[in-house]
Amino acid sequence: MLAICDCTGHGVPGAFMSLLNISFLNEIVMERNIHKPDLVFNHLRDDIIKVLNPAGTLEEGKDGMDAVLCNFDFKQNRFDFACANNPIWIIRNNQLKEFKPDKMPIGMHEDRKPFSIQSEQLQKGDVIYLFTDGYADQFGGTKGKKFKYKQLKDLLLENCHLTLAEQSEILSQKFESWKRDLEQVDDVLIVGIRI
């Protein structure tokens, strides 16, 4: 299993949310023995709301996280996953396939419904990209605008044939040249997995 998570808050509140979510994720997977990504997210949401917002009112804190949770089966060459606000991209034969997320965080939300499970058969050469919104949301360029997901897709498609280490270097250089002298607005995480 692999989790890519982006908790709400910065500084001490953000660190608290991270510790809380890591603790609950470990408990759900290792102690309760739940491995289906959608069920893990449903339990995690219930636990977070129970601790942070027991009254369950929308007016109170909406703390939680955006996340992707993958369960890989390399014997069957497939993976199952759940996405809370963050998509998954797979580049196969120079084509990018996007798996849309459930449009809700793991936490309080006005349209709270069960998270959905998605599956994909993997092929040799696939490159899976998992990420938070930090890279796409960074302000910069000549006009101080957001980088955006379209540019990130184009950058990954242009470089997907390179090694993951080379791609990492290109992503870092592009981020710094885009950001220029502006402050970094969020944590940045991009994970690439080549099958």
N, C-alpha and C. Protein backbone atom coordinates (compact mmCIF):
# COMPACT_ATOMS: atom_id res chain seq x y z
N MET A 1 0.85 -1.18 0.00
CA MET A 1 0.00 0.00 0.00
C MET A 1 0.89 1.24 0.00
N LEU A 2 0.37 2.27 -0.64
CA LEU A 2 1.08 3.54 -0.70
C LEU A 2 0.07 4.66 -0.54
N ALA A 3 0.35 5.59 0.37
CA ALA A 3 -0.53 6.73 0.61
C ALA A 3 0.20 8.02 0.27
N ILE A 4 -0.48 8.90 -0.45
CA ILE A 4 0.02 10.24 -0.74
C ILE A 4 -1.01 11.18 -0.13
N CYS A 5 -0.60 11.95 0.88
CA CYS A 5 -1.57 12.74 1.66
C CYS A 5 -1.13 14.19 1.80
N ASP A 6 -2.12 15.06 1.88
CA ASP A 6 -1.88 16.49 2.10
C ASP A 6 -2.89 16.96 3.13
N CYS A 7 -2.42 17.13 4.36
CA CYS A 7 -3.30 17.53 5.46
C CYS A 7 -3.55 19.03 5.44
N THR A 8 -4.70 19.43 5.98
CA THR A 8 -4.99 20.85 6.12
C THR A 8 -4.09 21.46 7.18
N GLY A 9 -3.90 22.76 7.08
CA GLY A 9 -3.15 23.49 8.10
C GLY A 9 -1.67 23.56 7.81
N HIS A 10 -1.03 24.51 8.48
CA HIS A 10 0.41 24.71 8.37
C HIS A 10 0.98 24.81 9.78
N GLY A 11 2.27 24.69 9.90
CA GLY A 11 2.92 24.82 11.21
C GLY A 11 2.45 23.76 12.17
N VAL A 12 2.22 24.16 13.42
CA VAL A 12 1.82 23.21 14.47
C VAL A 12 0.48 22.55 14.16
N PRO A 13 -0.58 23.30 13.72
CA PRO A 13 -1.85 22.62 13.39
C PRO A 13 -1.69 21.60 12.26
N GLY A 14 -0.87 21.92 11.26
CA GLY A 14 -0.64 20.99 10.16
C GLY A 14 0.10 19.75 10.62
N ALA A 15 1.09 19.95 11.49
CA ALA A 15 1.84 18.81 12.04
C ALA A 15 0.92 17.92 12.88
N PHE A 16 0.04 18.55 13.66
CA PHE A 16 -0.92 17.79 14.47
C PHE A 16 -1.82 16.94 13.57
N MET A 17 -2.34 17.55 12.50
CA MET A 17 -3.21 16.80 11.57
C MET A 17 -2.44 15.64 10.94
N SER A 18 -1.20 15.87 10.57
CA SER A 18 -0.39 14.81 9.96
C SER A 18 -0.21 13.64 10.92
N LEU A 19 0.15 13.94 12.16
CA LEU A 19 0.34 12.88 13.16
C LEU A 19 -0.95 12.10 13.41
N LEU A 20 -2.06 12.83 13.50
CA LEU A 20 -3.35 12.21 13.72
C LEU A 20 -3.71 11.26 12.57
N ASN A 21 -3.55 11.73 11.34
CA ASN A 21 -3.89 10.92 10.17
C ASN A 21 -2.97 9.72 10.02
N ILE A 22 -1.67 9.89 10.26
CA ILE A 22 -0.73 8.77 10.19
C ILE A 22 -1.10 7.71 11.23
N SER A 23 -1.41 8.17 12.43
CA SER A 23 -1.77 7.25 13.50
C SER A 23 -3.04 6.46 13.14
N PHE A 24 -4.06 7.16 12.66
CA PHE A 24 -5.31 6.49 12.29
C PHE A 24 -5.10 5.54 11.10
N LEU A 25 -4.33 5.96 10.09
CA LEU A 25 -4.07 5.09 8.94
C LEU A 25 -3.40 3.79 9.39
N ASN A 26 -2.39 3.90 10.25
CA ASN A 26 -1.71 2.71 10.75
C ASN A 26 -2.67 1.80 11.52
N GLU A 27 -3.50 2.40 12.35
CA GLU A 27 -4.45 1.60 13.13
C GLU A 27 -5.45 0.88 12.23
N ILE A 28 -5.99 1.59 11.24
CA ILE A 28 -6.99 1.01 10.35
C ILE A 28 -6.41 -0.15 9.55
N VAL A 29 -5.22 0.04 8.99
CA VAL A 29 -4.62 -0.98 8.13
C VAL A 29 -4.01 -2.12 8.93
N MET A 30 -3.25 -1.80 9.96
CA MET A 30 -2.50 -2.84 10.67
C MET A 30 -3.28 -3.50 11.81
N GLU A 31 -4.07 -2.73 12.54
CA GLU A 31 -4.78 -3.32 13.67
C GLU A 31 -6.18 -3.80 13.29
N ARG A 32 -6.91 -3.00 12.51
CA ARG A 32 -8.25 -3.42 12.10
C ARG A 32 -8.21 -4.30 10.85
N ASN A 33 -7.03 -4.38 10.22
CA ASN A 33 -6.82 -5.25 9.07
C ASN A 33 -7.74 -4.94 7.88
N ILE A 34 -7.91 -3.63 7.62
CA ILE A 34 -8.71 -3.17 6.48
C ILE A 34 -7.74 -2.73 5.40
N HIS A 35 -7.86 -3.31 4.19
CA HIS A 35 -6.90 -3.02 3.13
C HIS A 35 -7.51 -2.45 1.86
N LYS A 36 -8.84 -2.44 1.76
CA LYS A 36 -9.48 -1.85 0.58
C LYS A 36 -9.39 -0.33 0.72
N PRO A 37 -8.75 0.36 -0.24
CA PRO A 37 -8.53 1.80 -0.09
C PRO A 37 -9.78 2.63 0.20
N ASP A 38 -10.91 2.31 -0.45
CA ASP A 38 -12.12 3.09 -0.20
C ASP A 38 -12.61 2.90 1.23
N LEU A 39 -12.53 1.67 1.74
CA LEU A 39 -12.96 1.40 3.12
C LEU A 39 -12.02 2.05 4.13
N VAL A 40 -10.73 2.04 3.81
CA VAL A 40 -9.76 2.73 4.69
C VAL A 40 -10.13 4.20 4.80
N PHE A 41 -10.43 4.84 3.67
CA PHE A 41 -10.80 6.27 3.68
C PHE A 41 -12.10 6.50 4.45
N ASN A 42 -13.09 5.62 4.29
CA ASN A 42 -14.35 5.78 5.02
C ASN A 42 -14.12 5.71 6.53
N HIS A 43 -13.34 4.74 6.97
CA HIS A 43 -13.03 4.61 8.40
C HIS A 43 -12.21 5.80 8.89
N LEU A 44 -11.23 6.22 8.07
CA LEU A 44 -10.38 7.35 8.46
C LEU A 44 -11.21 8.62 8.63
N ARG A 45 -12.13 8.86 7.70
CA ARG A 45 -12.99 10.04 7.81
C ARG A 45 -13.81 9.99 9.09
N ASP A 46 -14.41 8.83 9.39
CA ASP A 46 -15.20 8.70 10.62
C ASP A 46 -14.36 8.99 11.85
N ASP A 47 -13.13 8.46 11.88
CA ASP A 47 -12.24 8.67 13.03
C ASP A 47 -11.86 10.13 13.18
N ILE A 48 -11.54 10.79 12.06
CA ILE A 48 -11.14 12.21 12.11
C ILE A 48 -12.30 13.07 12.60
N ILE A 49 -13.50 12.83 12.09
CA ILE A 49 -14.66 13.61 12.51
C ILE A 49 -14.97 13.37 13.98
N LYS A 50 -14.86 12.11 14.41
CA LYS A 50 -15.14 11.76 15.81
C LYS A 50 -14.21 12.53 16.76
N VAL A 51 -12.94 12.69 16.37
CA VAL A 51 -11.97 13.35 17.23
C VAL A 51 -12.05 14.87 17.13
N LEU A 52 -12.17 15.40 15.91
CA LEU A 52 -12.09 16.85 15.72
C LEU A 52 -13.43 17.56 15.71
N ASN A 53 -14.49 16.86 15.36
CA ASN A 53 -15.79 17.51 15.20
C ASN A 53 -16.90 16.56 15.60
N PRO A 54 -16.95 16.16 16.88
CA PRO A 54 -17.92 15.15 17.29
C PRO A 54 -19.37 15.57 17.08
N ALA A 55 -19.66 16.87 17.08
CA ALA A 55 -21.03 17.34 16.86
C ALA A 55 -21.42 17.19 15.39
N GLY A 56 -20.42 17.10 14.51
CA GLY A 56 -20.68 16.87 13.09
C GLY A 56 -21.25 18.07 12.36
N THR A 57 -20.99 19.28 12.84
CA THR A 57 -21.53 20.47 12.18
C THR A 57 -20.54 21.03 11.18
N LEU A 58 -21.06 21.50 10.05
CA LEU A 58 -20.21 22.06 9.00
C LEU A 58 -19.59 23.38 9.42
N GLU A 59 -20.24 24.08 10.36
CA GLU A 59 -19.71 25.39 10.78
C GLU A 59 -18.40 25.23 11.54
N GLU A 60 -18.23 24.09 12.19
CA GLU A 60 -16.98 23.86 12.93
C GLU A 60 -15.87 23.51 11.96
N GLY A 61 -14.69 23.24 12.48
CA GLY A 61 -13.52 23.00 11.65
C GLY A 61 -13.72 21.97 10.55
N LYS A 62 -13.15 22.26 9.39
CA LYS A 62 -13.21 21.32 8.26
C LYS A 62 -11.84 20.67 8.08
N ASP A 63 -11.15 20.43 9.18
CA ASP A 63 -9.83 19.83 9.09
C ASP A 63 -9.91 18.41 8.55
N GLY A 64 -8.89 18.01 7.84
CA GLY A 64 -8.82 16.68 7.26
C GLY A 64 -7.67 16.61 6.28
N MET A 65 -7.87 15.90 5.18
CA MET A 65 -6.80 15.83 4.19
C MET A 65 -7.33 15.39 2.84
N ASP A 66 -6.56 15.76 1.81
CA ASP A 66 -6.73 15.24 0.47
C ASP A 66 -5.72 14.11 0.35
N ALA A 67 -6.09 13.03 -0.33
CA ALA A 67 -5.19 11.87 -0.34
C ALA A 67 -5.49 10.91 -1.49
N VAL A 68 -4.50 10.09 -1.77
CA VAL A 68 -4.63 8.95 -2.67
C VAL A 68 -4.08 7.75 -1.92
N LEU A 69 -4.81 6.64 -1.95
CA LEU A 69 -4.33 5.42 -1.31
C LEU A 69 -4.39 4.29 -2.32
N CYS A 70 -3.24 3.66 -2.56
CA CYS A 70 -3.12 2.59 -3.56
C CYS A 70 -2.78 1.28 -2.89
N ASN A 71 -3.36 0.22 -3.41
CA ASN A 71 -3.05 -1.14 -2.96
C ASN A 71 -2.55 -1.89 -4.19
N PHE A 72 -1.25 -2.16 -4.25
CA PHE A 72 -0.63 -2.78 -5.42
C PHE A 72 -0.61 -4.30 -5.30
N ASP A 73 -0.92 -4.97 -6.40
CA ASP A 73 -0.81 -6.42 -6.51
C ASP A 73 0.08 -6.70 -7.72
N PHE A 74 1.38 -6.85 -7.47
CA PHE A 74 2.33 -7.01 -8.57
C PHE A 74 2.30 -8.42 -9.17
N LYS A 75 1.70 -9.39 -8.48
CA LYS A 75 1.54 -10.73 -9.07
C LYS A 75 0.48 -10.70 -10.17
N GLN A 76 -0.60 -9.97 -9.93
CA GLN A 76 -1.68 -9.85 -10.91
C GLN A 76 -1.50 -8.63 -11.82
N ASN A 77 -0.46 -7.83 -11.56
CA ASN A 77 -0.20 -6.60 -12.33
C ASN A 77 -1.40 -5.65 -12.34
N ARG A 78 -1.90 -5.36 -11.15
CA ARG A 78 -3.02 -4.42 -11.05
C ARG A 78 -2.90 -3.64 -9.75
N PHE A 79 -3.64 -2.56 -9.70
CA PHE A 79 -3.73 -1.87 -8.43
C PHE A 79 -5.11 -1.28 -8.25
N ASP A 80 -5.54 -1.26 -6.98
CA ASP A 80 -6.81 -0.67 -6.58
C ASP A 80 -6.48 0.60 -5.83
N PHE A 81 -7.35 1.61 -5.96
CA PHE A 81 -7.04 2.87 -5.31
C PHE A 81 -8.31 3.67 -5.04
N ALA A 82 -8.18 4.58 -4.09
CA ALA A 82 -9.22 5.55 -3.77
C ALA A 82 -8.56 6.92 -3.80
N CYS A 83 -9.30 7.91 -4.29
CA CYS A 83 -8.76 9.27 -4.44
C CYS A 83 -9.70 10.27 -3.78
N ALA A 84 -9.18 11.03 -2.82
CA ALA A 84 -9.94 12.08 -2.15
C ALA A 84 -9.38 13.42 -2.61
N ASN A 85 -10.03 14.04 -3.55
CA ASN A 85 -9.67 15.35 -4.12
C ASN A 85 -8.44 15.35 -5.02
N ASN A 86 -7.61 14.35 -4.99
CA ASN A 86 -6.42 14.29 -5.84
C ASN A 86 -6.55 13.15 -6.85
N PRO A 87 -6.28 13.42 -8.13
CA PRO A 87 -6.37 12.35 -9.14
C PRO A 87 -5.10 11.50 -9.18
N ILE A 88 -5.14 10.48 -10.01
CA ILE A 88 -3.94 9.69 -10.35
C ILE A 88 -3.78 9.80 -11.86
N TRP A 89 -2.54 9.95 -12.30
CA TRP A 89 -2.24 9.96 -13.73
C TRP A 89 -1.36 8.76 -14.06
N ILE A 90 -1.66 8.09 -15.17
CA ILE A 90 -0.79 7.03 -15.69
C ILE A 90 -0.42 7.41 -17.11
N ILE A 91 0.87 7.39 -17.41
CA ILE A 91 1.31 7.59 -18.79
C ILE A 91 1.69 6.23 -19.34
N ARG A 92 0.99 5.89 -20.44
CA ARG A 92 1.19 4.61 -21.11
C ARG A 92 1.30 4.90 -22.61
N ASN A 93 2.39 4.46 -23.22
CA ASN A 93 2.60 4.70 -24.66
C ASN A 93 2.44 6.19 -25.01
N ASN A 94 3.04 7.04 -24.18
CA ASN A 94 3.02 8.50 -24.38
C ASN A 94 1.62 9.12 -24.35
N GLN A 95 0.67 8.42 -23.75
CA GLN A 95 -0.69 8.95 -23.56
C GLN A 95 -0.97 9.03 -22.06
N LEU A 96 -1.52 10.16 -21.63
CA LEU A 96 -1.82 10.33 -20.21
C LEU A 96 -3.28 9.96 -19.95
N LYS A 97 -3.48 9.05 -19.03
CA LYS A 97 -4.82 8.63 -18.61
C LYS A 97 -5.03 9.16 -17.20
N GLU A 98 -6.13 9.89 -17.00
CA GLU A 98 -6.41 10.47 -15.69
C GLU A 98 -7.54 9.71 -15.00
N PHE A 99 -7.33 9.40 -13.73
CA PHE A 99 -8.35 8.78 -12.90
C PHE A 99 -8.85 9.85 -11.94
N LYS A 100 -10.09 10.24 -12.13
CA LYS A 100 -10.68 11.35 -11.37
C LYS A 100 -10.89 10.95 -9.91
N PRO A 101 -10.75 11.92 -9.03
CA PRO A 101 -10.97 11.66 -7.60
C PRO A 101 -12.43 11.86 -7.20
N ASP A 102 -12.77 11.36 -6.03
CA ASP A 102 -14.01 11.76 -5.39
C ASP A 102 -13.80 13.21 -4.96
N LYS A 103 -14.75 14.06 -5.25
CA LYS A 103 -14.60 15.49 -4.96
C LYS A 103 -15.00 15.80 -3.53
N MET A 104 -14.24 15.23 -2.62
CA MET A 104 -14.44 15.50 -1.19
C MET A 104 -13.17 15.12 -0.45
N PRO A 105 -12.88 15.84 0.63
CA PRO A 105 -11.70 15.50 1.43
C PRO A 105 -12.03 14.38 2.42
N ILE A 106 -11.01 13.91 3.09
CA ILE A 106 -11.22 12.98 4.21
C ILE A 106 -11.38 13.87 5.44
N GLY A 107 -12.62 14.13 5.79
CA GLY A 107 -12.97 15.06 6.86
C GLY A 107 -14.39 15.53 6.65
N MET A 108 -14.79 16.61 7.31
CA MET A 108 -16.14 17.15 7.16
C MET A 108 -16.35 17.66 5.75
N HIS A 109 -17.54 17.37 5.20
CA HIS A 109 -17.89 17.85 3.86
C HIS A 109 -19.41 17.81 3.75
N GLU A 110 -19.98 18.80 3.07
CA GLU A 110 -21.44 18.87 3.00
C GLU A 110 -22.07 17.69 2.26
N ASP A 111 -21.34 17.10 1.31
CA ASP A 111 -21.89 15.98 0.53
C ASP A 111 -21.11 14.71 0.88
N ARG A 112 -21.27 14.27 2.11
CA ARG A 112 -20.50 13.13 2.59
C ARG A 112 -21.12 11.82 2.13
N LYS A 113 -20.43 11.14 1.24
CA LYS A 113 -20.88 9.83 0.77
C LYS A 113 -19.69 8.87 0.81
N PRO A 114 -19.92 7.57 0.64
CA PRO A 114 -18.79 6.63 0.68
C PRO A 114 -17.79 6.92 -0.44
N PHE A 115 -16.51 6.72 -0.14
CA PHE A 115 -15.49 6.87 -1.16
C PHE A 115 -15.59 5.72 -2.15
N SER A 116 -15.21 5.98 -3.39
CA SER A 116 -15.30 4.95 -4.42
C SER A 116 -13.94 4.26 -4.61
N ILE A 117 -14.01 3.04 -5.10
CA ILE A 117 -12.79 2.26 -5.40
C ILE A 117 -12.62 2.25 -6.91
N GLN A 118 -11.39 2.37 -7.36
CA GLN A 118 -11.07 2.27 -8.78
C GLN A 118 -9.96 1.22 -8.92
N SER A 119 -9.87 0.63 -10.11
CA SER A 119 -8.86 -0.40 -10.38
C SER A 119 -8.29 -0.17 -11.77
N GLU A 120 -7.06 -0.60 -11.93
CA GLU A 120 -6.42 -0.51 -13.25
C GLU A 120 -5.47 -1.69 -13.41
N GLN A 121 -5.52 -2.30 -14.59
CA GLN A 121 -4.56 -3.35 -14.95
C GLN A 121 -3.28 -2.64 -15.39
N LEU A 122 -2.17 -3.01 -14.81
CA LEU A 122 -0.90 -2.36 -15.13
C LEU A 122 -0.19 -3.06 -16.28
N GLN A 123 0.58 -2.28 -17.03
CA GLN A 123 1.36 -2.82 -18.13
C GLN A 123 2.82 -2.41 -17.95
N LYS A 124 3.71 -3.26 -18.41
CA LYS A 124 5.14 -2.95 -18.33
C LYS A 124 5.39 -1.63 -19.06
N GLY A 125 6.13 -0.74 -18.40
CA GLY A 125 6.43 0.55 -18.99
C GLY A 125 5.52 1.67 -18.52
N ASP A 126 4.39 1.32 -17.87
CA ASP A 126 3.51 2.36 -17.33
C ASP A 126 4.29 3.21 -16.33
N VAL A 127 3.98 4.51 -16.30
CA VAL A 127 4.50 5.37 -15.26
C VAL A 127 3.30 5.97 -14.54
N ILE A 128 3.21 5.69 -13.25
CA ILE A 128 2.11 6.17 -12.42
C ILE A 128 2.61 7.42 -11.68
N TYR A 129 1.79 8.47 -11.71
CA TYR A 129 2.13 9.70 -11.00
C TYR A 129 1.07 9.99 -9.95
N LEU A 130 1.54 10.14 -8.71
CA LEU A 130 0.71 10.48 -7.56
C LEU A 130 1.25 11.80 -7.02
N PHE A 131 0.37 12.71 -6.60
CA PHE A 131 0.86 14.03 -6.22
C PHE A 131 -0.17 14.78 -5.36
N THR A 132 0.33 15.80 -4.69
CA THR A 132 -0.53 16.74 -3.99
C THR A 132 -0.65 17.98 -4.88
N ASP A 133 -1.40 18.97 -4.41
CA ASP A 133 -1.65 20.15 -5.24
C ASP A 133 -0.56 21.22 -5.17
N GLY A 134 0.48 20.99 -4.37
CA GLY A 134 1.50 22.02 -4.14
C GLY A 134 2.24 22.49 -5.38
N TYR A 135 2.59 21.57 -6.27
CA TYR A 135 3.34 21.95 -7.48
C TYR A 135 2.46 22.80 -8.40
N ALA A 136 1.26 22.32 -8.69
CA ALA A 136 0.36 23.01 -9.62
C ALA A 136 -0.12 24.35 -9.07
N ASP A 137 -0.20 24.49 -7.76
CA ASP A 137 -0.70 25.72 -7.14
C ASP A 137 0.37 26.78 -6.90
N GLN A 138 1.62 26.47 -7.23
CA GLN A 138 2.71 27.43 -6.96
C GLN A 138 2.61 28.64 -7.90
N PHE A 139 2.68 29.83 -7.30
CA PHE A 139 2.68 31.06 -8.08
C PHE A 139 4.07 31.33 -8.63
N GLY A 140 4.12 31.91 -9.83
CA GLY A 140 5.41 32.23 -10.43
C GLY A 140 5.27 32.61 -11.88
N GLY A 141 6.33 32.37 -12.64
CA GLY A 141 6.35 32.77 -14.04
C GLY A 141 6.47 34.28 -14.16
N THR A 142 6.38 34.78 -15.35
CA THR A 142 6.55 36.23 -15.57
C THR A 142 5.37 37.04 -15.05
N LYS A 143 4.21 36.41 -14.88
CA LYS A 143 3.02 37.14 -14.45
C LYS A 143 2.57 36.79 -13.03
N GLY A 144 3.34 35.96 -12.33
CA GLY A 144 2.99 35.60 -10.95
C GLY A 144 1.72 34.76 -10.83
N LYS A 145 1.44 33.94 -11.84
CA LYS A 145 0.23 33.11 -11.84
C LYS A 145 0.56 31.69 -11.37
N LYS A 146 -0.50 30.88 -11.12
CA LYS A 146 -0.30 29.49 -10.72
C LYS A 146 0.28 28.67 -11.88
N PHE A 147 1.07 27.66 -11.53
CA PHE A 147 1.65 26.77 -12.54
C PHE A 147 0.55 25.98 -13.26
N LYS A 148 -0.40 25.45 -12.51
CA LYS A 148 -1.58 24.72 -13.01
C LYS A 148 -1.25 23.30 -13.48
N TYR A 149 -2.31 22.47 -13.49
CA TYR A 149 -2.18 21.05 -13.83
C TYR A 149 -1.88 20.82 -15.31
N LYS A 150 -2.38 21.66 -16.19
CA LYS A 150 -2.13 21.48 -17.63
C LYS A 150 -0.63 21.51 -17.92
N GLN A 151 0.07 22.50 -17.34
CA GLN A 151 1.52 22.58 -17.53
C GLN A 151 2.24 21.38 -16.93
N LEU A 152 1.75 20.92 -15.78
CA LEU A 152 2.37 19.75 -15.13
C LEU A 152 2.18 18.51 -16.00
N LYS A 153 0.98 18.33 -16.57
CA LYS A 153 0.75 17.20 -17.48
C LYS A 153 1.71 17.27 -18.66
N ASP A 154 1.82 18.44 -19.27
CA ASP A 154 2.70 18.61 -20.44
C ASP A 154 4.15 18.30 -20.07
N LEU A 155 4.59 18.75 -18.90
CA LEU A 155 5.96 18.53 -18.45
C LEU A 155 6.23 17.03 -18.25
N LEU A 156 5.28 16.33 -17.66
CA LEU A 156 5.45 14.89 -17.43
C LEU A 156 5.43 14.12 -18.75
N LEU A 157 4.52 14.47 -19.64
CA LEU A 157 4.45 13.80 -20.95
C LEU A 157 5.74 14.01 -21.74
N GLU A 158 6.29 15.19 -21.64
CA GLU A 158 7.51 15.53 -22.38
C GLU A 158 8.72 14.74 -21.87
N ASN A 159 8.69 14.35 -20.60
CA ASN A 159 9.86 13.73 -19.98
C ASN A 159 9.65 12.32 -19.46
N CYS A 160 8.50 11.71 -19.73
CA CYS A 160 8.18 10.40 -19.15
C CYS A 160 9.12 9.29 -19.62
N HIS A 161 9.80 9.49 -20.74
CA HIS A 161 10.71 8.47 -21.26
C HIS A 161 12.04 8.45 -20.48
N LEU A 162 12.32 9.50 -19.71
CA LEU A 162 13.57 9.59 -18.95
C LEU A 162 13.46 8.74 -17.68
N THR A 163 14.61 8.51 -17.04
CA THR A 163 14.58 7.79 -15.76
C THR A 163 13.84 8.64 -14.73
N LEU A 164 13.36 8.02 -13.68
CA LEU A 164 12.65 8.77 -12.64
C LEU A 164 13.57 9.77 -11.95
N ALA A 165 14.85 9.44 -11.81
CA ALA A 165 15.81 10.38 -11.22
C ALA A 165 15.97 11.62 -12.10
N GLU A 166 16.04 11.40 -13.41
CA GLU A 166 16.15 12.53 -14.34
C GLU A 166 14.88 13.38 -14.32
N GLN A 167 13.73 12.72 -14.26
CA GLN A 167 12.47 13.46 -14.19
C GLN A 167 12.40 14.29 -12.91
N SER A 168 12.86 13.73 -11.81
CA SER A 168 12.86 14.44 -10.54
C SER A 168 13.69 15.71 -10.63
N GLU A 169 14.85 15.60 -11.25
CA GLU A 169 15.73 16.77 -11.41
C GLU A 169 15.07 17.84 -12.27
N ILE A 170 14.43 17.43 -13.36
CA ILE A 170 13.75 18.38 -14.26
C ILE A 170 12.59 19.07 -13.52
N LEU A 171 11.81 18.29 -12.77
CA LEU A 171 10.70 18.87 -12.01
C LEU A 171 11.20 19.88 -10.98
N SER A 172 12.30 19.57 -10.31
CA SER A 172 12.87 20.49 -9.32
C SER A 172 13.35 21.78 -9.98
N GLN A 173 14.08 21.63 -11.09
CA GLN A 173 14.58 22.82 -11.79
C GLN A 173 13.44 23.69 -12.31
N LYS A 174 12.43 23.06 -12.89
CA LYS A 174 11.28 23.81 -13.43
C LYS A 174 10.55 24.54 -12.31
N PHE A 175 10.39 23.86 -11.18
CA PHE A 175 9.69 24.47 -10.04
C PHE A 175 10.43 25.72 -9.57
N GLU A 176 11.74 25.61 -9.42
CA GLU A 176 12.54 26.74 -8.95
C GLU A 176 12.53 27.89 -9.95
N SER A 177 12.65 27.57 -11.24
CA SER A 177 12.65 28.64 -12.25
C SER A 177 11.26 29.28 -12.35
N TRP A 178 10.19 28.52 -12.12
CA TRP A 178 8.84 29.08 -12.14
C TRP A 178 8.61 29.97 -10.93
N LYS A 179 9.01 29.50 -9.76
CA LYS A 179 8.78 30.20 -8.49
C LYS A 179 9.54 31.52 -8.44
N ARG A 180 10.73 31.54 -9.02
CA ARG A 180 11.59 32.72 -8.99
C ARG A 180 11.82 33.16 -7.55
N ASP A 181 11.54 34.44 -7.26
CA ASP A 181 11.76 34.98 -5.92
C ASP A 181 10.52 34.92 -5.05
N LEU A 182 9.44 34.33 -5.56
CA LEU A 182 8.21 34.25 -4.78
C LEU A 182 8.34 33.16 -3.70
N GLU A 183 7.55 33.33 -2.66
CA GLU A 183 7.55 32.35 -1.58
C GLU A 183 6.85 31.07 -2.02
N GLN A 184 7.35 29.93 -1.54
CA GLN A 184 6.67 28.67 -1.81
C GLN A 184 5.38 28.65 -1.01
N VAL A 185 4.25 28.35 -1.68
CA VAL A 185 2.95 28.48 -1.03
C VAL A 185 2.47 27.22 -0.31
N ASP A 186 3.04 26.06 -0.63
CA ASP A 186 2.53 24.82 -0.05
C ASP A 186 3.61 23.75 -0.11
N ASP A 187 3.36 22.65 0.63
CA ASP A 187 4.24 21.49 0.51
C ASP A 187 4.09 20.95 -0.91
N VAL A 188 5.16 20.36 -1.42
CA VAL A 188 5.14 19.80 -2.78
C VAL A 188 5.54 18.33 -2.71
N LEU A 189 4.70 17.47 -3.32
CA LEU A 189 5.01 16.06 -3.36
C LEU A 189 4.54 15.48 -4.69
N ILE A 190 5.47 14.88 -5.43
CA ILE A 190 5.14 14.13 -6.64
C ILE A 190 5.90 12.81 -6.56
N VAL A 191 5.16 11.71 -6.72
CA VAL A 191 5.77 10.38 -6.70
C VAL A 191 5.56 9.74 -8.06
N GLY A 192 6.63 9.25 -8.67
CA GLY A 192 6.54 8.53 -9.93
C GLY A 192 6.93 7.07 -9.72
N ILE A 193 6.16 6.16 -10.30
CA ILE A 193 6.43 4.72 -10.19
C ILE A 193 6.41 4.14 -11.59
N ARG A 194 7.53 3.57 -12.00
CA ARG A 194 7.60 2.93 -13.31
C ARG A 194 7.40 1.43 -13.14
N ILE A 195 6.48 0.86 -13.90
CA ILE A 195 6.18 -0.57 -13.81
C ILE A 195 7.12 -1.34 -14.75
